[in-house]
N, C-alpha and C. Protein backbone atom coordinates (compact mmCIF):
# COMPACT_ATOMS: atom_id res chain seq x y z
N MET A 1 46.06 132.22 -71.71
CA MET A 1 44.89 132.74 -72.40
C MET A 1 43.64 132.04 -71.87
N SER A 2 42.68 132.82 -71.45
CA SER A 2 41.46 132.27 -70.86
C SER A 2 40.42 131.99 -71.94
N ASN A 3 39.71 130.87 -71.79
CA ASN A 3 38.64 130.49 -72.71
C ASN A 3 37.28 130.63 -72.04
N TRP A 4 37.05 131.72 -71.35
CA TRP A 4 35.78 131.92 -70.66
C TRP A 4 34.70 132.33 -71.64
N LEU A 5 33.55 131.68 -71.52
CA LEU A 5 32.37 132.04 -72.28
C LEU A 5 31.29 132.44 -71.30
N GLU A 6 30.51 133.46 -71.65
CA GLU A 6 29.42 133.90 -70.77
C GLU A 6 28.11 133.94 -71.54
N HIS A 7 27.02 133.64 -70.83
CA HIS A 7 25.70 133.58 -71.44
C HIS A 7 24.66 134.15 -70.48
N THR A 8 23.59 134.71 -71.05
CA THR A 8 22.45 135.16 -70.26
C THR A 8 21.19 134.74 -70.99
N VAL A 9 20.28 134.12 -70.25
CA VAL A 9 18.97 133.75 -70.78
C VAL A 9 17.93 134.09 -69.71
N GLN A 10 16.72 134.35 -70.14
CA GLN A 10 15.67 134.66 -69.17
C GLN A 10 14.33 134.19 -69.69
N ILE A 11 13.37 134.08 -68.76
CA ILE A 11 12.03 133.63 -69.12
C ILE A 11 11.03 134.23 -68.15
N GLN A 12 9.84 134.49 -68.64
CA GLN A 12 8.74 134.93 -67.78
C GLN A 12 7.87 133.71 -67.48
N ILE A 13 7.43 133.61 -66.23
CA ILE A 13 6.64 132.47 -65.78
C ILE A 13 5.38 132.99 -65.10
N ASP A 14 4.25 132.49 -65.52
CA ASP A 14 2.96 132.90 -64.93
C ASP A 14 2.74 132.12 -63.63
N ALA A 15 3.60 132.41 -62.67
CA ALA A 15 3.53 131.76 -61.35
C ALA A 15 4.11 132.73 -60.33
N PRO A 16 3.63 132.66 -59.09
CA PRO A 16 4.12 133.58 -58.06
C PRO A 16 5.59 133.32 -57.71
N ILE A 17 6.23 134.38 -57.28
CA ILE A 17 7.66 134.31 -56.95
C ILE A 17 7.95 133.27 -55.87
N ASP A 18 7.05 133.12 -54.89
CA ASP A 18 7.27 132.11 -53.83
C ASP A 18 7.43 130.72 -54.43
N LEU A 19 6.58 130.37 -55.37
CA LEU A 19 6.64 129.05 -56.00
C LEU A 19 7.90 128.91 -56.84
N VAL A 20 8.17 129.90 -57.68
CA VAL A 20 9.33 129.86 -58.58
C VAL A 20 10.62 129.76 -57.76
N TRP A 21 10.74 130.59 -56.74
CA TRP A 21 11.93 130.56 -55.88
C TRP A 21 12.06 129.20 -55.19
N GLY A 22 10.97 128.72 -54.64
CA GLY A 22 11.00 127.45 -53.91
C GLY A 22 11.45 126.29 -54.78
N LEU A 23 10.99 126.25 -56.02
CA LEU A 23 11.38 125.17 -56.92
C LEU A 23 12.84 125.28 -57.33
N TRP A 24 13.26 126.46 -57.73
CA TRP A 24 14.64 126.61 -58.23
C TRP A 24 15.67 126.47 -57.11
N SER A 25 15.35 126.98 -55.93
CA SER A 25 16.36 126.96 -54.86
C SER A 25 16.57 125.56 -54.28
N ASP A 26 15.75 124.60 -54.68
CA ASP A 26 15.98 123.19 -54.31
C ASP A 26 16.93 122.60 -55.37
N LEU A 27 18.22 122.88 -55.21
CA LEU A 27 19.22 122.58 -56.23
C LEU A 27 19.22 121.13 -56.71
N GLU A 28 18.93 120.19 -55.82
CA GLU A 28 18.98 118.78 -56.20
C GLU A 28 17.90 118.40 -57.21
N GLN A 29 16.93 119.29 -57.44
CA GLN A 29 15.88 119.04 -58.43
C GLN A 29 16.26 119.50 -59.84
N MET A 30 17.40 120.18 -59.98
CA MET A 30 17.82 120.73 -61.28
C MET A 30 17.77 119.73 -62.44
N PRO A 31 18.17 118.48 -62.25
CA PRO A 31 18.12 117.56 -63.40
C PRO A 31 16.72 117.37 -63.98
N ARG A 32 15.67 117.74 -63.25
CA ARG A 32 14.30 117.64 -63.79
C ARG A 32 14.10 118.52 -65.01
N TRP A 33 14.79 119.66 -65.06
CA TRP A 33 14.59 120.58 -66.19
C TRP A 33 15.86 120.97 -66.92
N MET A 34 17.02 120.65 -66.39
CA MET A 34 18.26 121.01 -67.07
C MET A 34 18.84 119.78 -67.77
N LYS A 35 18.79 119.83 -69.09
CA LYS A 35 19.13 118.69 -69.95
C LYS A 35 20.52 118.12 -69.67
N TRP A 36 21.51 118.96 -69.51
CA TRP A 36 22.88 118.47 -69.38
C TRP A 36 23.28 118.19 -67.93
N ILE A 37 22.47 118.61 -66.97
CA ILE A 37 22.82 118.36 -65.58
C ILE A 37 22.34 116.96 -65.19
N ASP A 38 23.29 116.10 -64.91
CA ASP A 38 22.99 114.72 -64.57
C ASP A 38 22.62 114.56 -63.10
N SER A 39 23.32 115.31 -62.23
CA SER A 39 23.01 115.23 -60.81
C SER A 39 23.56 116.45 -60.07
N VAL A 40 22.90 116.74 -58.94
CA VAL A 40 23.35 117.79 -58.01
C VAL A 40 23.15 117.22 -56.62
N LYS A 41 24.17 117.29 -55.80
CA LYS A 41 24.08 116.81 -54.43
C LYS A 41 24.60 117.90 -53.49
N VAL A 42 23.69 118.43 -52.66
CA VAL A 42 24.08 119.44 -51.67
C VAL A 42 24.79 118.71 -50.53
N LEU A 43 25.94 119.23 -50.10
CA LEU A 43 26.70 118.60 -49.04
C LEU A 43 25.98 118.76 -47.70
N GLU A 44 25.83 117.67 -46.98
CA GLU A 44 25.11 117.69 -45.70
C GLU A 44 25.79 118.57 -44.67
N ASN A 45 27.11 118.53 -44.64
CA ASN A 45 27.84 119.28 -43.61
C ASN A 45 28.02 120.76 -43.96
N ASN A 46 27.69 121.15 -45.21
CA ASN A 46 27.81 122.55 -45.61
C ASN A 46 26.83 122.82 -46.76
N PRO A 47 25.62 123.34 -46.44
CA PRO A 47 24.60 123.54 -47.48
C PRO A 47 24.95 124.60 -48.52
N ASP A 48 26.04 125.36 -48.32
CA ASP A 48 26.48 126.31 -49.35
C ASP A 48 27.30 125.64 -50.44
N LEU A 49 27.66 124.37 -50.23
CA LEU A 49 28.45 123.62 -51.21
C LEU A 49 27.60 122.53 -51.84
N SER A 50 27.80 122.33 -53.13
CA SER A 50 27.08 121.26 -53.83
C SER A 50 27.99 120.66 -54.91
N ARG A 51 27.84 119.36 -55.12
CA ARG A 51 28.61 118.63 -56.13
C ARG A 51 27.72 118.47 -57.37
N TRP A 52 28.20 118.91 -58.52
CA TRP A 52 27.45 118.90 -59.77
C TRP A 52 28.10 117.95 -60.77
N LYS A 53 27.26 117.33 -61.59
CA LYS A 53 27.75 116.49 -62.67
C LYS A 53 27.01 116.86 -63.95
N LEU A 54 27.77 117.23 -64.97
CA LEU A 54 27.24 117.56 -66.28
C LEU A 54 27.61 116.42 -67.21
N ALA A 55 26.65 115.93 -67.97
CA ALA A 55 26.93 114.86 -68.93
C ALA A 55 26.20 115.15 -70.23
N SER A 56 26.93 115.09 -71.31
CA SER A 56 26.35 115.29 -72.64
C SER A 56 27.16 114.49 -73.64
N GLY A 57 26.55 113.44 -74.17
CA GLY A 57 27.27 112.61 -75.14
C GLY A 57 28.52 112.02 -74.51
N ALA A 58 29.65 112.25 -75.17
CA ALA A 58 30.92 111.69 -74.70
C ALA A 58 31.56 112.52 -73.59
N PHE A 59 31.00 113.71 -73.33
CA PHE A 59 31.60 114.60 -72.34
C PHE A 59 30.94 114.44 -70.98
N GLU A 60 31.77 114.47 -69.94
CA GLU A 60 31.26 114.44 -68.57
C GLU A 60 32.19 115.29 -67.73
N PHE A 61 31.60 116.22 -66.97
CA PHE A 61 32.36 117.11 -66.12
C PHE A 61 31.72 117.16 -64.75
N THR A 62 32.53 117.32 -63.73
CA THR A 62 32.01 117.50 -62.38
C THR A 62 32.69 118.73 -61.78
N TRP A 63 32.02 119.28 -60.76
CA TRP A 63 32.61 120.39 -60.04
C TRP A 63 31.92 120.53 -58.69
N LEU A 64 32.62 121.19 -57.80
CA LEU A 64 32.09 121.56 -56.50
C LEU A 64 31.80 123.05 -56.57
N SER A 65 30.56 123.41 -56.24
CA SER A 65 30.12 124.79 -56.35
C SER A 65 29.81 125.36 -54.97
N ARG A 66 30.14 126.65 -54.80
CA ARG A 66 29.84 127.33 -53.54
C ARG A 66 28.89 128.49 -53.82
N ILE A 67 27.85 128.59 -53.02
CA ILE A 67 26.95 129.75 -53.11
C ILE A 67 27.68 130.92 -52.46
N THR A 68 27.86 131.99 -53.23
CA THR A 68 28.60 133.15 -52.73
C THR A 68 27.67 134.29 -52.32
N ASN A 69 26.43 134.25 -52.79
CA ASN A 69 25.45 135.27 -52.42
C ASN A 69 24.06 134.67 -52.57
N LEU A 70 23.28 134.76 -51.50
CA LEU A 70 21.92 134.25 -51.54
C LEU A 70 21.01 135.26 -50.86
N VAL A 71 20.06 135.80 -51.61
CA VAL A 71 19.07 136.71 -51.08
C VAL A 71 17.72 136.11 -51.43
N ASP A 72 16.97 135.69 -50.41
CA ASP A 72 15.68 135.03 -50.61
C ASP A 72 14.81 135.74 -51.65
N HIS A 73 14.31 134.98 -52.58
CA HIS A 73 13.39 135.46 -53.62
C HIS A 73 14.03 136.46 -54.59
N LYS A 74 15.36 136.61 -54.54
CA LYS A 74 16.04 137.60 -55.39
C LYS A 74 17.18 137.00 -56.22
N ILE A 75 18.14 136.34 -55.54
CA ILE A 75 19.35 135.91 -56.25
C ILE A 75 20.01 134.71 -55.57
N ILE A 76 20.55 133.85 -56.40
CA ILE A 76 21.48 132.80 -55.97
C ILE A 76 22.71 132.97 -56.86
N GLN A 77 23.82 133.30 -56.24
CA GLN A 77 25.07 133.50 -56.99
C GLN A 77 26.04 132.42 -56.57
N TRP A 78 26.84 131.92 -57.51
CA TRP A 78 27.75 130.82 -57.20
C TRP A 78 29.06 130.95 -57.97
N GLU A 79 30.02 130.13 -57.53
CA GLU A 79 31.27 129.93 -58.26
C GLU A 79 31.77 128.54 -57.94
N SER A 80 32.45 127.94 -58.89
CA SER A 80 33.01 126.61 -58.63
C SER A 80 34.28 126.77 -57.81
N VAL A 81 34.53 125.78 -56.97
CA VAL A 81 35.75 125.79 -56.15
C VAL A 81 36.69 124.66 -56.54
N ASP A 82 36.22 123.73 -57.36
CA ASP A 82 37.08 122.73 -58.00
C ASP A 82 36.35 122.15 -59.20
N GLY A 83 37.07 121.44 -60.02
CA GLY A 83 36.46 120.86 -61.22
C GLY A 83 36.28 121.88 -62.32
N LEU A 84 35.22 121.76 -63.10
CA LEU A 84 34.95 122.66 -64.23
C LEU A 84 34.79 124.09 -63.74
N PRO A 85 35.67 125.01 -64.15
CA PRO A 85 35.58 126.40 -63.69
C PRO A 85 34.29 127.07 -64.21
N ASN A 86 33.46 127.57 -63.30
CA ASN A 86 32.24 128.27 -63.70
C ASN A 86 31.79 129.19 -62.59
N ARG A 87 30.91 130.12 -62.96
CA ARG A 87 30.35 131.08 -62.01
C ARG A 87 29.09 131.66 -62.63
N GLY A 88 28.25 132.21 -61.79
CA GLY A 88 27.06 132.83 -62.34
C GLY A 88 26.07 133.23 -61.27
N ALA A 89 24.89 133.63 -61.75
CA ALA A 89 23.82 134.05 -60.85
C ALA A 89 22.48 133.77 -61.51
N ILE A 90 21.54 133.38 -60.69
CA ILE A 90 20.15 133.25 -61.13
C ILE A 90 19.40 134.32 -60.35
N ARG A 91 18.71 135.18 -61.09
CA ARG A 91 17.97 136.28 -60.48
C ARG A 91 16.48 136.07 -60.67
N PHE A 92 15.72 136.48 -59.67
CA PHE A 92 14.27 136.32 -59.67
C PHE A 92 13.63 137.69 -59.52
N TYR A 93 12.67 137.97 -60.40
CA TYR A 93 11.98 139.26 -60.38
C TYR A 93 10.49 139.00 -60.18
N ASP A 94 9.94 139.59 -59.14
CA ASP A 94 8.52 139.46 -58.83
C ASP A 94 7.74 140.47 -59.67
N ARG A 95 6.83 139.98 -60.49
CA ARG A 95 6.01 140.85 -61.34
C ARG A 95 4.56 140.85 -60.89
N GLY A 96 4.33 140.51 -59.61
CA GLY A 96 2.99 140.54 -59.05
C GLY A 96 2.04 139.64 -59.82
N GLU A 97 0.95 140.20 -60.29
CA GLU A 97 -0.05 139.41 -61.02
C GLU A 97 0.46 138.91 -62.36
N ASP A 98 1.54 139.50 -62.86
CA ASP A 98 2.12 139.06 -64.12
C ASP A 98 3.11 137.91 -63.93
N GLY A 99 3.24 137.42 -62.71
CA GLY A 99 4.11 136.27 -62.46
C GLY A 99 5.52 136.66 -62.05
N SER A 100 6.48 135.95 -62.61
CA SER A 100 7.88 136.10 -62.22
C SER A 100 8.77 136.05 -63.45
N ILE A 101 9.92 136.67 -63.34
CA ILE A 101 10.95 136.54 -64.37
C ILE A 101 12.15 135.87 -63.73
N VAL A 102 12.71 134.91 -64.44
CA VAL A 102 13.92 134.22 -64.02
C VAL A 102 14.99 134.54 -65.05
N LYS A 103 16.12 135.07 -64.56
CA LYS A 103 17.23 135.45 -65.45
C LYS A 103 18.49 134.74 -64.98
N LEU A 104 19.04 133.93 -65.86
CA LEU A 104 20.23 133.14 -65.56
C LEU A 104 21.42 133.69 -66.35
N THR A 105 22.46 134.08 -65.63
CA THR A 105 23.71 134.53 -66.24
C THR A 105 24.82 133.63 -65.71
N PHE A 106 25.59 133.07 -66.62
CA PHE A 106 26.66 132.17 -66.18
C PHE A 106 27.83 132.22 -67.15
N GLY A 107 28.98 131.89 -66.61
CA GLY A 107 30.19 131.82 -67.41
C GLY A 107 30.97 130.58 -67.02
N TYR A 108 31.77 130.10 -67.95
CA TYR A 108 32.57 128.91 -67.69
C TYR A 108 33.82 128.96 -68.55
N SER A 109 34.81 128.29 -68.06
CA SER A 109 36.04 128.15 -68.83
C SER A 109 35.96 126.80 -69.52
N ALA A 110 35.72 126.83 -70.81
CA ALA A 110 35.55 125.58 -71.56
C ALA A 110 36.89 124.88 -71.69
N PRO A 111 36.88 123.57 -71.46
CA PRO A 111 38.11 122.80 -71.64
C PRO A 111 38.66 122.98 -73.05
N GLY A 112 39.97 123.02 -73.17
CA GLY A 112 40.63 123.26 -74.46
C GLY A 112 40.18 122.33 -75.56
N ILE A 113 39.85 121.09 -75.22
CA ILE A 113 39.44 120.14 -76.25
C ILE A 113 38.16 120.59 -76.94
N LEU A 114 37.25 121.20 -76.19
CA LEU A 114 36.02 121.70 -76.81
C LEU A 114 36.33 122.81 -77.81
N PHE A 115 37.29 123.67 -77.46
CA PHE A 115 37.66 124.74 -78.38
C PHE A 115 38.37 124.20 -79.60
N GLN A 116 39.05 123.07 -79.46
CA GLN A 116 39.70 122.46 -80.61
C GLN A 116 38.67 121.80 -81.52
N LEU A 117 37.58 121.28 -80.95
CA LEU A 117 36.58 120.58 -81.74
C LEU A 117 35.59 121.51 -82.43
N MET A 118 35.30 122.63 -81.82
CA MET A 118 34.34 123.57 -82.42
C MET A 118 34.69 124.99 -82.05
N ASP A 119 34.30 125.90 -82.91
CA ASP A 119 34.64 127.29 -82.62
C ASP A 119 33.77 127.85 -81.50
N LYS A 120 34.25 128.92 -80.91
CA LYS A 120 33.62 129.55 -79.75
C LYS A 120 32.18 129.98 -80.04
N LEU A 121 31.92 130.54 -81.20
CA LEU A 121 30.59 131.02 -81.55
C LEU A 121 29.60 129.87 -81.64
N PHE A 122 30.01 128.77 -82.28
CA PHE A 122 29.15 127.60 -82.42
C PHE A 122 28.83 127.00 -81.06
N LEU A 123 29.85 126.85 -80.22
CA LEU A 123 29.66 126.32 -78.87
C LEU A 123 28.71 127.21 -78.08
N GLY A 124 28.88 128.52 -78.18
CA GLY A 124 28.03 129.46 -77.47
C GLY A 124 26.57 129.33 -77.87
N ARG A 125 26.30 129.18 -79.17
CA ARG A 125 24.92 129.03 -79.64
C ARG A 125 24.29 127.74 -79.11
N ILE A 126 25.05 126.67 -79.08
CA ILE A 126 24.54 125.39 -78.55
C ILE A 126 24.18 125.53 -77.08
N VAL A 127 25.09 126.11 -76.31
CA VAL A 127 24.87 126.27 -74.87
C VAL A 127 23.67 127.19 -74.61
N GLU A 128 23.59 128.31 -75.32
CA GLU A 128 22.46 129.23 -75.08
C GLU A 128 21.13 128.62 -75.48
N SER A 129 21.06 127.94 -76.60
CA SER A 129 19.78 127.35 -77.01
C SER A 129 19.37 126.23 -76.05
N THR A 130 20.33 125.45 -75.58
CA THR A 130 20.03 124.39 -74.62
C THR A 130 19.57 124.99 -73.30
N THR A 131 20.24 126.04 -72.85
CA THR A 131 19.88 126.67 -71.58
C THR A 131 18.51 127.35 -71.67
N GLN A 132 18.21 127.97 -72.81
CA GLN A 132 16.89 128.57 -72.98
C GLN A 132 15.82 127.48 -72.94
N ALA A 133 16.08 126.35 -73.57
CA ALA A 133 15.14 125.21 -73.52
C ALA A 133 15.00 124.70 -72.08
N ASP A 134 16.10 124.74 -71.31
CA ASP A 134 16.03 124.34 -69.90
C ASP A 134 15.07 125.26 -69.15
N LEU A 135 15.17 126.56 -69.39
CA LEU A 135 14.27 127.51 -68.72
C LEU A 135 12.82 127.29 -69.15
N GLU A 136 12.62 126.93 -70.39
CA GLU A 136 11.25 126.63 -70.85
C GLU A 136 10.70 125.38 -70.15
N ARG A 137 11.58 124.36 -69.97
CA ARG A 137 11.16 123.17 -69.21
C ARG A 137 10.87 123.53 -67.76
N PHE A 138 11.67 124.44 -67.19
CA PHE A 138 11.41 124.89 -65.82
C PHE A 138 10.06 125.58 -65.73
N ARG A 139 9.75 126.45 -66.71
CA ARG A 139 8.46 127.13 -66.71
C ARG A 139 7.32 126.11 -66.75
N GLU A 140 7.43 125.12 -67.63
CA GLU A 140 6.39 124.08 -67.72
C GLU A 140 6.26 123.33 -66.39
N TYR A 141 7.38 123.02 -65.76
CA TYR A 141 7.38 122.33 -64.48
C TYR A 141 6.70 123.19 -63.41
N ALA A 142 7.08 124.47 -63.35
CA ALA A 142 6.49 125.38 -62.36
C ALA A 142 4.99 125.51 -62.57
N LEU A 143 4.56 125.59 -63.82
CA LEU A 143 3.12 125.72 -64.10
C LEU A 143 2.36 124.45 -63.73
N ARG A 144 2.98 123.27 -63.93
CA ARG A 144 2.35 122.02 -63.48
C ARG A 144 2.20 121.99 -61.97
N VAL A 145 3.25 122.39 -61.26
CA VAL A 145 3.19 122.42 -59.79
C VAL A 145 2.14 123.43 -59.34
N LYS A 146 2.09 124.59 -59.99
CA LYS A 146 1.10 125.61 -59.64
C LYS A 146 -0.30 125.07 -59.82
N THR A 147 -0.55 124.40 -60.95
CA THR A 147 -1.88 123.83 -61.23
C THR A 147 -2.25 122.76 -60.21
N GLN A 148 -1.28 121.90 -59.85
CA GLN A 148 -1.54 120.85 -58.87
C GLN A 148 -1.84 121.43 -57.49
N SER A 149 -1.20 122.53 -57.15
CA SER A 149 -1.40 123.11 -55.82
C SER A 149 -2.72 123.87 -55.72
N THR A 150 -3.30 124.26 -56.86
CA THR A 150 -4.58 124.96 -56.83
C THR A 150 -5.76 124.01 -57.07
N SER A 151 -5.46 122.76 -57.37
CA SER A 151 -6.54 121.79 -57.63
C SER A 151 -7.10 121.24 -56.35
């Protein structure tokens, strides 16, 4: 029996797609705005692979992720190849003068212990609210970078 959970969150950012794409596609910067992501290290010998570490309270998980689809300024799609099973896609929508939309869809197989400690619905709400807050931190970060680059 699979314990896969899936989530989708999105945000509009008053910044050009070039800036938004450039910031997000630098995977090693993720801990700046993603609360539970402790570190990301892109492998030097294969830039499609990256080692991720998630830490929250007593829980810590790592995984190796592979980019399975990358279209500049449009999508970064991934799946884990070891460690915590997960997959997803981050999509970027250019809205011209209205900025950009970032839409994150991801799924993961939660370790059985998490399902024993809390029900699926409760866990899902925690993950979605945290991820939405991550996107809000990303928007604030992108707007700071945008302001600094125009100063």
